[in-house]
PDB file of all heavy atoms in Angstrom:
ATOM      1  N   ARG A   1     -20.499  -8.767  -1.620  1.00  0.00           N
ATOM      2  CA  ARG A   1     -19.731  -8.584  -0.388  1.00  0.00           C
ATOM      3  C   ARG A   1     -18.325  -9.136  -0.598  1.00  0.00           C
ATOM      4  O   ARG A   1     -18.137 -10.154  -1.257  1.00  0.00           O
ATOM      5  CB  ARG A   1     -20.385  -9.336   0.773  1.00  0.00           C
ATOM      6  CG  ARG A   1     -21.736  -8.757   1.195  1.00  0.00           C
ATOM      7  CD  ARG A   1     -21.569  -7.600   2.148  1.00  0.00           C
ATOM      8  NE  ARG A   1     -22.871  -7.171   2.665  1.00  0.00           N
ATOM      9  CZ  ARG A   1     -23.541  -6.116   2.233  1.00  0.00           C
ATOM     10  NH1 ARG A   1     -23.038  -5.387   1.251  1.00  0.00           N
ATOM     11  NH2 ARG A   1     -24.703  -5.788   2.765  1.00  0.00           N
ATOM     12  N   TRP A   2     -17.334  -8.456  -0.035  1.00  0.00           N
ATOM     13  CA  TRP A   2     -15.956  -8.913  -0.158  1.00  0.00           C
ATOM     14  C   TRP A   2     -15.142  -8.385   1.024  1.00  0.00           C
ATOM     15  O   TRP A   2     -15.574  -7.476   1.737  1.00  0.00           O
ATOM     16  CB  TRP A   2     -15.330  -8.450  -1.475  1.00  0.00           C
ATOM     17  CG  TRP A   2     -15.440  -6.965  -1.733  1.00  0.00           C
ATOM     18  CD1 TRP A   2     -16.410  -6.332  -2.446  1.00  0.00           C
ATOM     19  CD2 TRP A   2     -14.563  -5.940  -1.250  1.00  0.00           C
ATOM     20  NE1 TRP A   2     -16.199  -4.969  -2.441  1.00  0.00           N
ATOM     21  CE2 TRP A   2     -15.063  -4.704  -1.726  1.00  0.00           C
ATOM     22  CE3 TRP A   2     -13.404  -5.932  -0.478  1.00  0.00           C
ATOM     23  CZ2 TRP A   2     -14.452  -3.481  -1.450  1.00  0.00           C
ATOM     24  CZ3 TRP A   2     -12.781  -4.722  -0.190  1.00  0.00           C
ATOM     25  CH2 TRP A   2     -13.307  -3.516  -0.682  1.00  0.00           C
ATOM     26  N   SER A   3     -13.986  -8.956   1.219  1.00  0.00           N
ATOM     27  CA  SER A   3     -13.064  -8.442   2.230  1.00  0.00           C
ATOM     28  C   SER A   3     -11.629  -8.662   1.754  1.00  0.00           C
ATOM     29  O   SER A   3     -11.347  -9.603   1.001  1.00  0.00           O
ATOM     30  CB  SER A   3     -13.281  -9.118   3.590  1.00  0.00           C
ATOM     31  OG  SER A   3     -13.005 -10.502   3.500  1.00  0.00           O
ATOM     32  N   VAL A   4     -10.767  -7.779   2.164  1.00  0.00           N
ATOM     33  CA  VAL A   4      -9.334  -7.866   1.855  1.00  0.00           C
ATOM     34  C   VAL A   4      -8.574  -7.645   3.145  1.00  0.00           C
ATOM     35  O   VAL A   4      -8.921  -6.751   3.935  1.00  0.00           O
ATOM     36  CB  VAL A   4      -8.917  -6.812   0.807  1.00  0.00           C
ATOM     37  CG1 VAL A   4      -7.404  -6.848   0.582  1.00  0.00           C
ATOM     38  CG2 VAL A   4      -9.643  -7.043  -0.513  1.00  0.00           C
ATOM     39  N   GLU A   5      -7.538  -8.452   3.363  1.00  0.00           N
ATOM     40  CA  GLU A   5      -6.746  -8.337   4.587  1.00  0.00           C
ATOM     41  C   GLU A   5      -5.278  -8.142   4.244  1.00  0.00           C
ATOM     42  O   GLU A   5      -4.747  -8.765   3.318  1.00  0.00           O
ATOM     43  CB  GLU A   5      -6.925  -9.592   5.440  1.00  0.00           C
ATOM     44  CG  GLU A   5      -6.139  -9.566   6.743  1.00  0.00           C
ATOM     45  CD  GLU A   5      -6.422 -10.779   7.619  1.00  0.00           C
ATOM     46  OE1 GLU A   5      -7.504 -11.394   7.454  1.00  0.00           O
ATOM     47  OE2 GLU A   5      -5.566 -11.104   8.471  1.00  0.00           O
ATOM     48  N   TRP A   6      -4.626  -7.249   4.976  1.00  0.00           N
ATOM     49  CA  TRP A   6      -3.193  -7.027   4.854  1.00  0.00           C
ATOM     50  C   TRP A   6      -2.556  -7.197   6.242  1.00  0.00           C
ATOM     51  O   TRP A   6      -3.096  -6.665   7.229  1.00  0.00           O
ATOM     52  CB  TRP A   6      -2.872  -5.610   4.394  1.00  0.00           C
ATOM     53  CG  TRP A   6      -3.491  -5.160   3.112  1.00  0.00           C
ATOM     54  CD1 TRP A   6      -2.939  -5.200   1.862  1.00  0.00           C
ATOM     55  CD2 TRP A   6      -4.769  -4.525   2.945  1.00  0.00           C
ATOM     56  NE1 TRP A   6      -3.789  -4.648   0.926  1.00  0.00           N
ATOM     57  CE2 TRP A   6      -4.922  -4.222   1.566  1.00  0.00           C
ATOM     58  CE3 TRP A   6      -5.808  -4.195   3.826  1.00  0.00           C
ATOM     59  CZ2 TRP A   6      -6.053  -3.599   1.050  1.00  0.00           C
ATOM     60  CZ3 TRP A   6      -6.945  -3.577   3.314  1.00  0.00           C
ATOM     61  CH2 TRP A   6      -7.061  -3.291   1.948  1.00  0.00           C
ATOM     62  N   ASP A   7      -1.450  -7.892   6.343  1.00  0.00           N
ATOM     63  CA  ASP A   7      -0.704  -7.813   7.597  1.00  0.00           C
ATOM     64  C   ASP A   7       0.169  -6.557   7.529  1.00  0.00           C
ATOM     65  O   ASP A   7       0.283  -5.913   6.481  1.00  0.00           O
ATOM     66  CB  ASP A   7       0.114  -9.081   7.865  1.00  0.00           C
ATOM     67  CG  ASP A   7       1.221  -9.328   6.840  1.00  0.00           C
ATOM     68  OD1 ASP A   7       1.761  -8.364   6.267  1.00  0.00           O
ATOM     69  OD2 ASP A   7       1.553 -10.505   6.608  1.00  0.00           O
ATOM     70  N   GLY A   8       0.764  -6.191   8.642  1.00  0.00           N
ATOM     71  CA  GLY A   8       1.492  -4.927   8.703  1.00  0.00           C
ATOM     72  C   GLY A   8       2.623  -4.821   7.704  1.00  0.00           C
ATOM     73  O   GLY A   8       2.838  -3.776   7.074  1.00  0.00           O
ATOM     74  N   THR A   9       3.377  -5.906   7.541  1.00  0.00           N
ATOM     75  CA  THR A   9       4.511  -5.885   6.621  1.00  0.00           C
ATOM     76  C   THR A   9       4.048  -5.729   5.184  1.00  0.00           C
ATOM     77  O   THR A   9       4.596  -4.925   4.415  1.00  0.00           O
ATOM     78  CB  THR A   9       5.326  -7.178   6.767  1.00  0.00           C
ATOM     79  OG1 THR A   9       5.803  -7.290   8.115  1.00  0.00           O
ATOM     80  CG2 THR A   9       6.517  -7.175   5.810  1.00  0.00           C
ATOM     81  N   LEU A  10       3.020  -6.499   4.800  1.00  0.00           N
ATOM     82  CA  LEU A  10       2.495  -6.407   3.440  1.00  0.00           C
ATOM     83  C   LEU A  10       1.933  -5.016   3.171  1.00  0.00           C
ATOM     84  O   LEU A  10       2.164  -4.431   2.098  1.00  0.00           O
ATOM     85  CB  LEU A  10       1.410  -7.461   3.231  1.00  0.00           C
ATOM     86  CG  LEU A  10       0.676  -7.435   1.882  1.00  0.00           C
ATOM     87  CD1 LEU A  10       1.652  -7.682   0.739  1.00  0.00           C
ATOM     88  CD2 LEU A  10      -0.457  -8.466   1.873  1.00  0.00           C
ATOM     89  N   LEU A  11       1.179  -4.472   4.122  1.00  0.00           N
ATOM     90  CA  LEU A  11       0.596  -3.144   3.951  1.00  0.00           C
ATOM     91  C   LEU A  11       1.678  -2.099   3.719  1.00  0.00           C
ATOM     92  O   LEU A  11       1.569  -1.260   2.810  1.00  0.00           O
ATOM     93  CB  LEU A  11      -0.236  -2.778   5.176  1.00  0.00           C
ATOM     94  CG  LEU A  11      -0.873  -1.390   5.162  1.00  0.00           C
ATOM     95  CD1 LEU A  11      -1.904  -1.281   4.044  1.00  0.00           C
ATOM     96  CD2 LEU A  11      -1.521  -1.095   6.523  1.00  0.00           C
ATOM     97  N   LEU A  12       2.736  -2.152   4.507  1.00  0.00           N
ATOM     98  CA  LEU A  12       3.828  -1.191   4.356  1.00  0.00           C
ATOM     99  C   LEU A  12       4.492  -1.329   2.995  1.00  0.00           C
ATOM    100  O   LEU A  12       4.763  -0.331   2.311  1.00  0.00           O
ATOM    101  CB  LEU A  12       4.850  -1.389   5.475  1.00  0.00           C
ATOM    102  CG  LEU A  12       6.048  -0.430   5.487  1.00  0.00           C
ATOM    103  CD1 LEU A  12       5.574   1.013   5.636  1.00  0.00           C
ATOM    104  CD2 LEU A  12       7.015  -0.794   6.617  1.00  0.00           C
ATOM    105  N   ASP A  13       4.743  -2.559   2.569  1.00  0.00           N
ATOM    106  CA  ASP A  13       5.372  -2.786   1.269  1.00  0.00           C
ATOM    107  C   ASP A  13       4.503  -2.241   0.127  1.00  0.00           C
ATOM    108  O   ASP A  13       5.010  -1.613  -0.809  1.00  0.00           O
ATOM    109  CB  ASP A  13       5.615  -4.285   1.045  1.00  0.00           C
ATOM    110  CG  ASP A  13       6.739  -4.831   1.912  1.00  0.00           C
ATOM    111  OD1 ASP A  13       7.505  -4.013   2.460  1.00  0.00           O
ATOM    112  OD2 ASP A  13       6.831  -6.068   2.048  1.00  0.00           O
ATOM    113  N   ILE A  14       3.181  -2.498   0.212  1.00  0.00           N
ATOM    114  CA  ILE A  14       2.276  -2.027  -0.838  1.00  0.00           C
ATOM    115  C   ILE A  14       2.231  -0.506  -0.868  1.00  0.00           C
ATOM    116  O   ILE A  14       2.332   0.117  -1.939  1.00  0.00           O
ATOM    117  CB  ILE A  14       0.867  -2.625  -0.639  1.00  0.00           C
ATOM    118  CG1 ILE A  14       0.880  -4.120  -0.993  1.00  0.00           C
ATOM    119  CG2 ILE A  14      -0.170  -1.887  -1.489  1.00  0.00           C
ATOM    120  CD1 ILE A  14      -0.417  -4.834  -0.690  1.00  0.00           C
ATOM    121  N   LEU A  15       2.089   0.128   0.287  1.00  0.00           N
ATOM    122  CA  LEU A  15       1.989   1.581   0.322  1.00  0.00           C
ATOM    123  C   LEU A  15       3.281   2.241  -0.139  1.00  0.00           C
ATOM    124  O   LEU A  15       3.243   3.312  -0.769  1.00  0.00           O
ATOM    125  CB  LEU A  15       1.614   2.057   1.722  1.00  0.00           C
ATOM    126  CG  LEU A  15       0.213   1.665   2.219  1.00  0.00           C
ATOM    127  CD1 LEU A  15      -0.033   2.217   3.618  1.00  0.00           C
ATOM    128  CD2 LEU A  15      -0.858   2.169   1.260  1.00  0.00           C
ATOM    129  N   ARG A  16       4.412   1.637   0.144  1.00  0.00           N
ATOM    130  CA  ARG A  16       5.687   2.205  -0.335  1.00  0.00           C
ATOM    131  C   ARG A  16       5.779   2.182  -1.854  1.00  0.00           C
ATOM    132  O   ARG A  16       6.534   2.957  -2.441  1.00  0.00           O
ATOM    133  CB  ARG A  16       6.849   1.433   0.279  1.00  0.00           C
ATOM    134  CG  ARG A  16       7.166   1.844   1.711  1.00  0.00           C
ATOM    135  CD  ARG A  16       8.261   0.994   2.313  1.00  0.00           C
ATOM    136  NE  ARG A  16       8.687   1.512   3.605  1.00  0.00           N
ATOM    137  CZ  ARG A  16       9.454   0.843   4.474  1.00  0.00           C
ATOM    138  NH1 ARG A  16       9.866  -0.386   4.166  1.00  0.00           N
ATOM    139  NH2 ARG A  16       9.805   1.391   5.611  1.00  0.00           N
ATOM    140  N   ARG A  17       5.002   1.303  -2.480  1.00  0.00           N
ATOM    141  CA  ARG A  17       4.985   1.245  -3.947  1.00  0.00           C
ATOM    142  C   ARG A  17       3.867   2.095  -4.539  1.00  0.00           C
ATOM    143  O   ARG A  17       4.072   2.821  -5.504  1.00  0.00           O
ATOM    144  CB  ARG A  17       4.833  -0.210  -4.405  1.00  0.00           C
ATOM    145  CG  ARG A  17       4.871  -0.375  -5.915  1.00  0.00           C
ATOM    146  CD  ARG A  17       4.782  -1.823  -6.352  1.00  0.00           C
ATOM    147  NE  ARG A  17       3.483  -2.410  -6.054  1.00  0.00           N
ATOM    148  CZ  ARG A  17       3.222  -3.241  -5.063  1.00  0.00           C
ATOM    149  NH1 ARG A  17       4.182  -3.598  -4.242  1.00  0.00           N
ATOM    150  NH2 ARG A  17       2.005  -3.717  -4.868  1.00  0.00           N
ATOM    151  N   THR A  18       2.674   2.001  -3.952  1.00  0.00           N
ATOM    152  CA  THR A  18       1.517   2.658  -4.569  1.00  0.00           C
ATOM    153  C   THR A  18       1.419   4.149  -4.242  1.00  0.00           C
ATOM    154  O   THR A  18       0.930   4.925  -5.075  1.00  0.00           O
ATOM    155  CB  THR A  18       0.213   1.974  -4.146  1.00  0.00           C
ATOM    156  OG1 THR A  18       0.076   2.037  -2.712  1.00  0.00           O
ATOM    157  CG2 THR A  18       0.192   0.514  -4.590  1.00  0.00           C
ATOM    158  N   VAL A  19       1.846   4.566  -3.071  1.00  0.00           N
ATOM    159  CA  VAL A  19       1.751   5.980  -2.721  1.00  0.00           C
ATOM    160  C   VAL A  19       2.602   6.846  -3.657  1.00  0.00           C
ATOM    161  O   VAL A  19       2.118   7.864  -4.167  1.00  0.00           O
ATOM    162  CB  VAL A  19       2.109   6.196  -1.233  1.00  0.00           C
ATOM    163  CG1 VAL A  19       2.375   7.665  -0.935  1.00  0.00           C
ATOM    164  CG2 VAL A  19       0.981   5.674  -0.340  1.00  0.00           C
ATOM    165  N   PRO A  20       3.867   6.490  -3.928  1.00  0.00           N
ATOM    166  CA  PRO A  20       4.622   7.288  -4.901  1.00  0.00           C
ATOM    167  C   PRO A  20       4.009   7.244  -6.298  1.00  0.00           C
ATOM    168  O   PRO A  20       3.916   8.273  -6.979  1.00  0.00           O
ATOM    169  CB  PRO A  20       6.005   6.631  -4.895  1.00  0.00           C
ATOM    170  CG  PRO A  20       6.098   5.936  -3.593  1.00  0.00           C
ATOM    171  CD  PRO A  20       4.711   5.458  -3.299  1.00  0.00           C
ATOM    172  N   ALA A  21       3.564   6.059  -6.737  1.00  0.00           N
ATOM    173  CA  ALA A  21       3.037   5.922  -8.093  1.00  0.00           C
ATOM    174  C   ALA A  21       1.731   6.665  -8.282  1.00  0.00           C
ATOM    175  O   ALA A  21       1.482   7.258  -9.345  1.00  0.00           O
ATOM    176  CB  ALA A  21       2.858   4.439  -8.428  1.00  0.00           C
ATOM    177  N   THR A  22       0.882   6.657  -7.262  1.00  0.00           N
ATOM    178  CA  THR A  22      -0.452   7.248  -7.396  1.00  0.00           C
ATOM    179  C   THR A  22      -0.516   8.682  -6.910  1.00  0.00           C
ATOM    180  O   THR A  22      -1.172   9.526  -7.526  1.00  0.00           O
ATOM    181  CB  THR A  22      -1.472   6.398  -6.609  1.00  0.00           C
ATOM    182  OG1 THR A  22      -1.399   5.040  -7.032  1.00  0.00           O
ATOM    183  CG2 THR A  22      -2.898   6.909  -6.826  1.00  0.00           C
ATOM    184  N   LEU A  23       0.165   8.983  -5.804  1.00  0.00           N
ATOM    185  CA  LEU A  23       0.040  10.303  -5.182  1.00  0.00           C
ATOM    186  C   LEU A  23       1.250  11.195  -5.405  1.00  0.00           C
ATOM    187  O   LEU A  23       1.183  12.397  -5.128  1.00  0.00           O
ATOM    188  CB  LEU A  23      -0.196  10.146  -3.672  1.00  0.00           C
ATOM    189  CG  LEU A  23      -1.353   9.243  -3.243  1.00  0.00           C
ATOM    190  CD1 LEU A  23      -1.445   9.209  -1.729  1.00  0.00           C
ATOM    191  CD2 LEU A  23      -2.660   9.716  -3.856  1.00  0.00           C
ATOM    192  N   GLY A  24       2.357  10.621  -5.867  1.00  0.00           N
ATOM    193  CA  GLY A  24       3.561  11.422  -6.079  1.00  0.00           C
ATOM    194  C   GLY A  24       4.323  11.732  -4.809  1.00  0.00           C
ATOM    195  O   GLY A  24       5.214  12.588  -4.800  1.00  0.00           O
ATOM    196  N   VAL A  25       3.990  11.032  -3.721  1.00  0.00           N
ATOM    197  CA  VAL A  25       4.698  11.206  -2.450  1.00  0.00           C
ATOM    198  C   VAL A  25       5.896  10.266  -2.432  1.00  0.00           C
ATOM    199  O   VAL A  25       5.794   9.104  -2.824  1.00  0.00           O
ATOM    200  CB  VAL A  25       3.765  10.900  -1.258  1.00  0.00           C
ATOM    201  CG1 VAL A  25       4.520  10.990   0.064  1.00  0.00           C
ATOM    202  CG2 VAL A  25       2.576  11.843  -1.264  1.00  0.00           C
ATOM    203  N   GLU A  26       7.033  10.754  -1.980  1.00  0.00           N
ATOM    204  CA  GLU A  26       8.245   9.938  -1.972  1.00  0.00           C
ATOM    205  C   GLU A  26       8.077   8.722  -1.066  1.00  0.00           C
ATOM    206  O   GLU A  26       7.481   8.804   0.015  1.00  0.00           O
ATOM    207  CB  GLU A  26       9.436  10.761  -1.503  1.00  0.00           C
ATOM    208  CG  GLU A  26       9.825  11.879  -2.462  1.00  0.00           C
ATOM    209  CD  GLU A  26      11.027  12.653  -1.957  1.00  0.00           C
ATOM    210  OE1 GLU A  26      11.502  12.351  -0.829  1.00  0.00           O
ATOM    211  OE2 GLU A  26      11.494  13.544  -2.674  1.00  0.00           O
ATOM    212  N   ALA A  27       8.608   7.594  -1.513  1.00  0.00           N
ATOM    213  CA  ALA A  27       8.477   6.350  -0.757  1.00  0.00           C
ATOM    214  C   ALA A  27       9.079   6.470   0.638  1.00  0.00           C
ATOM    215  O   ALA A  27       8.612   5.834   1.587  1.00  0.00           O
ATOM    216  CB  ALA A  27       9.142   5.209  -1.527  1.00  0.00           C
TER     217      ALA A  27
END
């Protein structure tokens, strides 16, 4: 069992980096 938590700012920062790298969608 595990859990991971993101606050809104962290989540946005991570997705702006990982979405372009993984999905090819512009940041």
